[in-house]
Amino acid sequence: MKKHTHDFVESYDGFIGFGYDRPTDEHTVCCYLQKLSDDRLMQTLLPRLSDPDLEKVFSFVSALLKKHLSEAEYHRLFLKDDHHA
C-alpha cells in the first residue's frame, strides 16, 4: 500500500492564485506543492538545480517542518513512521 497521497490536486477545481484570501492561499500552496512533487517534474527539475538551490529547498522545508510540527507529528505525518514513540 502507498503511504503518500496527492489527492487534493487531483480533485480541486477552485481558483488557483495567491493573495485573495487565506483559504485560497492555502489551496494554492497545496496544489503547487503537490504538483511540484510530481515524479516526472522532479526528474526534470532536480538535475537542473544548483547545489545552493538544493540546499535552500531542503533547509526551507526542514525549517517549516521543525517550526510547525511536533516530533511525533513529524514522524507520523512526514516520515510515515507509525512506530515512533
N, C-alpha and C. Protein backbone atom coordinates (compact mmCIF):
# COMPACT_ATOMS: atom_id res chain seq x y z
N MET A 1 0.83 -1.17 0.00
CA MET A 1 0.00 0.00 0.00
C MET A 1 0.89 1.25 0.00
N LYS A 2 0.51 2.24 -0.80
CA LYS A 2 1.24 3.50 -0.84
C LYS A 2 1.03 4.28 0.44
N LYS A 3 2.08 4.94 0.90
CA LYS A 3 2.00 5.76 2.11
C LYS A 3 1.67 7.21 1.80
N HIS A 4 2.01 7.68 0.61
CA HIS A 4 1.84 9.08 0.26
C HIS A 4 0.64 9.27 -0.66
N THR A 5 -0.02 10.40 -0.49
CA THR A 5 -1.17 10.72 -1.33
C THR A 5 -1.02 12.13 -1.88
N HIS A 6 -1.64 12.34 -3.00
CA HIS A 6 -1.70 13.67 -3.62
C HIS A 6 -3.11 13.87 -4.18
N ASP A 7 -4.08 13.58 -3.37
CA ASP A 7 -5.48 13.61 -3.82
C ASP A 7 -6.02 15.02 -4.02
N PHE A 8 -5.57 15.96 -3.22
CA PHE A 8 -6.15 17.31 -3.28
C PHE A 8 -6.01 17.91 -4.67
N VAL A 9 -4.82 17.86 -5.22
CA VAL A 9 -4.57 18.47 -6.53
C VAL A 9 -5.37 17.78 -7.63
N GLU A 10 -5.71 16.53 -7.43
CA GLU A 10 -6.47 15.78 -8.43
C GLU A 10 -7.95 16.16 -8.43
N SER A 11 -8.46 16.63 -7.30
CA SER A 11 -9.89 16.91 -7.20
C SER A 11 -10.24 18.39 -7.06
N TYR A 12 -9.28 19.23 -6.72
CA TYR A 12 -9.56 20.65 -6.50
C TYR A 12 -9.87 21.34 -7.82
N ASP A 13 -11.01 22.03 -7.87
CA ASP A 13 -11.37 22.75 -9.09
C ASP A 13 -11.63 24.22 -8.81
N GLY A 14 -11.09 24.70 -7.69
CA GLY A 14 -11.27 26.10 -7.33
C GLY A 14 -10.20 26.98 -7.93
N PHE A 15 -10.24 28.23 -7.55
CA PHE A 15 -9.30 29.24 -8.03
C PHE A 15 -7.90 28.97 -7.54
N ILE A 16 -6.91 29.10 -8.42
CA ILE A 16 -5.50 28.99 -8.05
C ILE A 16 -4.90 30.39 -8.20
N GLY A 17 -4.51 30.94 -7.10
CA GLY A 17 -3.92 32.27 -7.08
C GLY A 17 -3.58 32.64 -5.65
N PHE A 18 -2.70 33.58 -5.48
CA PHE A 18 -2.25 33.92 -4.14
C PHE A 18 -2.58 35.37 -3.82
N GLY A 19 -3.02 35.60 -2.58
CA GLY A 19 -3.28 36.95 -2.11
C GLY A 19 -4.75 37.34 -2.06
N TYR A 20 -5.63 36.44 -2.43
CA TYR A 20 -7.07 36.74 -2.43
C TYR A 20 -7.64 36.61 -1.02
N ASP A 21 -7.47 35.44 -0.42
CA ASP A 21 -7.89 35.20 0.96
C ASP A 21 -7.13 33.98 1.49
N ARG A 22 -7.19 33.76 2.79
CA ARG A 22 -6.42 32.67 3.41
C ARG A 22 -6.80 31.30 2.85
N PRO A 23 -8.08 30.94 2.74
CA PRO A 23 -8.40 29.62 2.18
C PRO A 23 -7.86 29.41 0.77
N THR A 24 -7.99 30.42 -0.09
CA THR A 24 -7.47 30.30 -1.45
C THR A 24 -5.95 30.19 -1.44
N ASP A 25 -5.29 30.96 -0.58
CA ASP A 25 -3.83 30.86 -0.46
C ASP A 25 -3.42 29.45 -0.05
N GLU A 26 -4.12 28.86 0.93
CA GLU A 26 -3.79 27.51 1.38
C GLU A 26 -4.02 26.50 0.27
N HIS A 27 -5.14 26.62 -0.44
CA HIS A 27 -5.42 25.70 -1.55
C HIS A 27 -4.37 25.83 -2.64
N THR A 28 -3.97 27.06 -2.94
CA THR A 28 -2.97 27.30 -3.97
C THR A 28 -1.63 26.68 -3.59
N VAL A 29 -1.20 26.89 -2.35
CA VAL A 29 0.08 26.33 -1.90
C VAL A 29 0.01 24.80 -1.93
N CYS A 30 -1.10 24.23 -1.52
CA CYS A 30 -1.26 22.77 -1.56
C CYS A 30 -1.13 22.27 -2.99
N CYS A 31 -1.81 22.90 -3.92
CA CYS A 31 -1.73 22.50 -5.33
C CYS A 31 -0.31 22.65 -5.86
N TYR A 32 0.34 23.76 -5.58
CA TYR A 32 1.70 23.98 -6.06
C TYR A 32 2.65 22.91 -5.53
N LEU A 33 2.55 22.61 -4.22
CA LEU A 33 3.46 21.63 -3.63
C LEU A 33 3.19 20.23 -4.17
N GLN A 34 1.91 19.87 -4.34
CA GLN A 34 1.61 18.55 -4.87
C GLN A 34 2.03 18.44 -6.32
N LYS A 35 1.85 19.49 -7.10
CA LYS A 35 2.31 19.49 -8.49
C LYS A 35 3.84 19.45 -8.55
N LEU A 36 4.50 20.20 -7.67
CA LEU A 36 5.95 20.23 -7.63
C LEU A 36 6.55 18.85 -7.36
N SER A 37 5.89 18.08 -6.51
CA SER A 37 6.45 16.79 -6.12
C SER A 37 6.16 15.67 -7.13
N ASP A 38 5.53 16.00 -8.23
CA ASP A 38 5.27 15.01 -9.28
C ASP A 38 6.61 14.38 -9.73
N ASP A 39 6.64 13.07 -9.84
CA ASP A 39 7.88 12.36 -10.17
C ASP A 39 8.50 12.84 -11.48
N ARG A 40 7.71 13.01 -12.52
CA ARG A 40 8.26 13.42 -13.81
C ARG A 40 8.83 14.83 -13.74
N LEU A 41 8.14 15.72 -13.04
CA LEU A 41 8.67 17.07 -12.89
C LEU A 41 9.98 17.04 -12.11
N MET A 42 10.03 16.28 -11.02
CA MET A 42 11.24 16.19 -10.22
C MET A 42 12.41 15.64 -11.03
N GLN A 43 12.15 14.64 -11.87
CA GLN A 43 13.21 14.06 -12.70
C GLN A 43 13.79 15.10 -13.66
N THR A 44 12.96 16.04 -14.08
CA THR A 44 13.41 17.09 -14.99
C THR A 44 14.08 18.23 -14.23
N LEU A 45 13.48 18.65 -13.13
CA LEU A 45 13.93 19.84 -12.42
C LEU A 45 15.19 19.63 -11.58
N LEU A 46 15.23 18.54 -10.82
CA LEU A 46 16.32 18.34 -9.86
C LEU A 46 17.71 18.40 -10.49
N PRO A 47 17.97 17.75 -11.63
CA PRO A 47 19.31 17.84 -12.20
C PRO A 47 19.70 19.26 -12.63
N ARG A 48 18.72 20.12 -12.81
CA ARG A 48 18.99 21.49 -13.24
C ARG A 48 19.26 22.44 -12.07
N LEU A 49 18.92 22.03 -10.87
CA LEU A 49 19.13 22.88 -9.70
C LEU A 49 20.60 22.86 -9.29
N SER A 50 21.09 24.00 -8.90
CA SER A 50 22.46 24.08 -8.40
C SER A 50 22.51 23.49 -6.99
N ASP A 51 23.71 23.23 -6.51
CA ASP A 51 23.86 22.74 -5.14
C ASP A 51 23.27 23.74 -4.14
N PRO A 52 23.50 25.05 -4.30
CA PRO A 52 22.87 26.00 -3.38
C PRO A 52 21.34 25.99 -3.48
N ASP A 53 20.78 25.79 -4.68
CA ASP A 53 19.33 25.69 -4.82
C ASP A 53 18.80 24.50 -4.04
N LEU A 54 19.45 23.35 -4.18
CA LEU A 54 19.02 22.15 -3.46
C LEU A 54 19.07 22.38 -1.95
N GLU A 55 20.16 23.00 -1.50
CA GLU A 55 20.30 23.29 -0.06
C GLU A 55 19.20 24.23 0.43
N LYS A 56 18.86 25.24 -0.37
CA LYS A 56 17.81 26.19 0.02
C LYS A 56 16.47 25.48 0.17
N VAL A 57 16.13 24.64 -0.79
CA VAL A 57 14.86 23.92 -0.73
C VAL A 57 14.83 23.02 0.51
N PHE A 58 15.89 22.24 0.69
CA PHE A 58 15.95 21.34 1.84
C PHE A 58 15.87 22.10 3.15
N SER A 59 16.64 23.17 3.28
CA SER A 59 16.66 23.95 4.52
C SER A 59 15.31 24.61 4.80
N PHE A 60 14.68 25.16 3.75
CA PHE A 60 13.39 25.82 3.93
C PHE A 60 12.32 24.83 4.40
N VAL A 61 12.23 23.70 3.73
CA VAL A 61 11.23 22.70 4.11
C VAL A 61 11.52 22.16 5.51
N SER A 62 12.76 21.87 5.79
CA SER A 62 13.12 21.37 7.12
C SER A 62 12.76 22.36 8.21
N ALA A 63 13.01 23.64 7.97
CA ALA A 63 12.69 24.67 8.96
C ALA A 63 11.19 24.77 9.19
N LEU A 64 10.39 24.70 8.12
CA LEU A 64 8.94 24.74 8.28
C LEU A 64 8.42 23.54 9.08
N LEU A 65 8.94 22.37 8.76
CA LEU A 65 8.51 21.18 9.49
C LEU A 65 8.87 21.28 10.97
N LYS A 66 10.08 21.73 11.25
CA LYS A 66 10.54 21.85 12.64
C LYS A 66 9.72 22.88 13.41
N LYS A 67 9.37 23.97 12.74
CA LYS A 67 8.63 25.06 13.39
C LYS A 67 7.18 24.68 13.68
N HIS A 68 6.54 23.93 12.78
CA HIS A 68 5.10 23.75 12.86
C HIS A 68 4.62 22.34 13.24
N LEU A 69 5.53 21.39 13.35
CA LEU A 69 5.14 20.03 13.73
C LEU A 69 5.85 19.62 15.01
N SER A 70 5.14 18.90 15.84
CA SER A 70 5.80 18.28 16.99
C SER A 70 6.65 17.12 16.46
N GLU A 71 7.51 16.60 17.30
CA GLU A 71 8.34 15.47 16.86
C GLU A 71 7.48 14.28 16.48
N ALA A 72 6.42 14.02 17.26
CA ALA A 72 5.52 12.90 16.95
C ALA A 72 4.81 13.12 15.61
N GLU A 73 4.35 14.35 15.36
CA GLU A 73 3.70 14.66 14.08
C GLU A 73 4.67 14.51 12.92
N TYR A 74 5.91 14.97 13.12
CA TYR A 74 6.93 14.84 12.09
C TYR A 74 7.13 13.38 11.70
N HIS A 75 7.23 12.52 12.69
CA HIS A 75 7.43 11.09 12.41
C HIS A 75 6.19 10.47 11.79
N ARG A 76 5.03 10.81 12.30
CA ARG A 76 3.79 10.21 11.80
C ARG A 76 3.39 10.74 10.44
N LEU A 77 3.41 12.06 10.28
CA LEU A 77 2.88 12.68 9.06
C LEU A 77 3.91 12.82 7.94
N PHE A 78 5.15 13.15 8.27
CA PHE A 78 6.16 13.37 7.23
C PHE A 78 6.94 12.09 6.94
N LEU A 79 7.47 11.47 7.97
CA LEU A 79 8.26 10.26 7.76
C LEU A 79 7.40 9.02 7.56
N LYS A 80 6.13 9.12 7.92
CA LYS A 80 5.19 7.98 7.83
C LYS A 80 5.69 6.83 8.71
N ASP A 81 6.24 7.19 9.84
CA ASP A 81 6.78 6.23 10.81
C ASP A 81 5.78 6.08 11.94
N ASP A 82 4.87 5.14 11.78
CA ASP A 82 3.81 4.94 12.78
C ASP A 82 4.31 4.26 14.05
N HIS A 83 5.54 3.82 14.05
CA HIS A 83 6.05 3.08 15.20
C HIS A 83 6.89 3.94 16.13
N HIS A 84 7.03 5.23 15.78
CA HIS A 84 7.81 6.13 16.61
C HIS A 84 7.03 6.46 17.88
N ALA A 85 7.70 6.43 19.00
CA ALA A 85 7.03 6.71 20.28
C ALA A 85 6.72 8.17 20.45
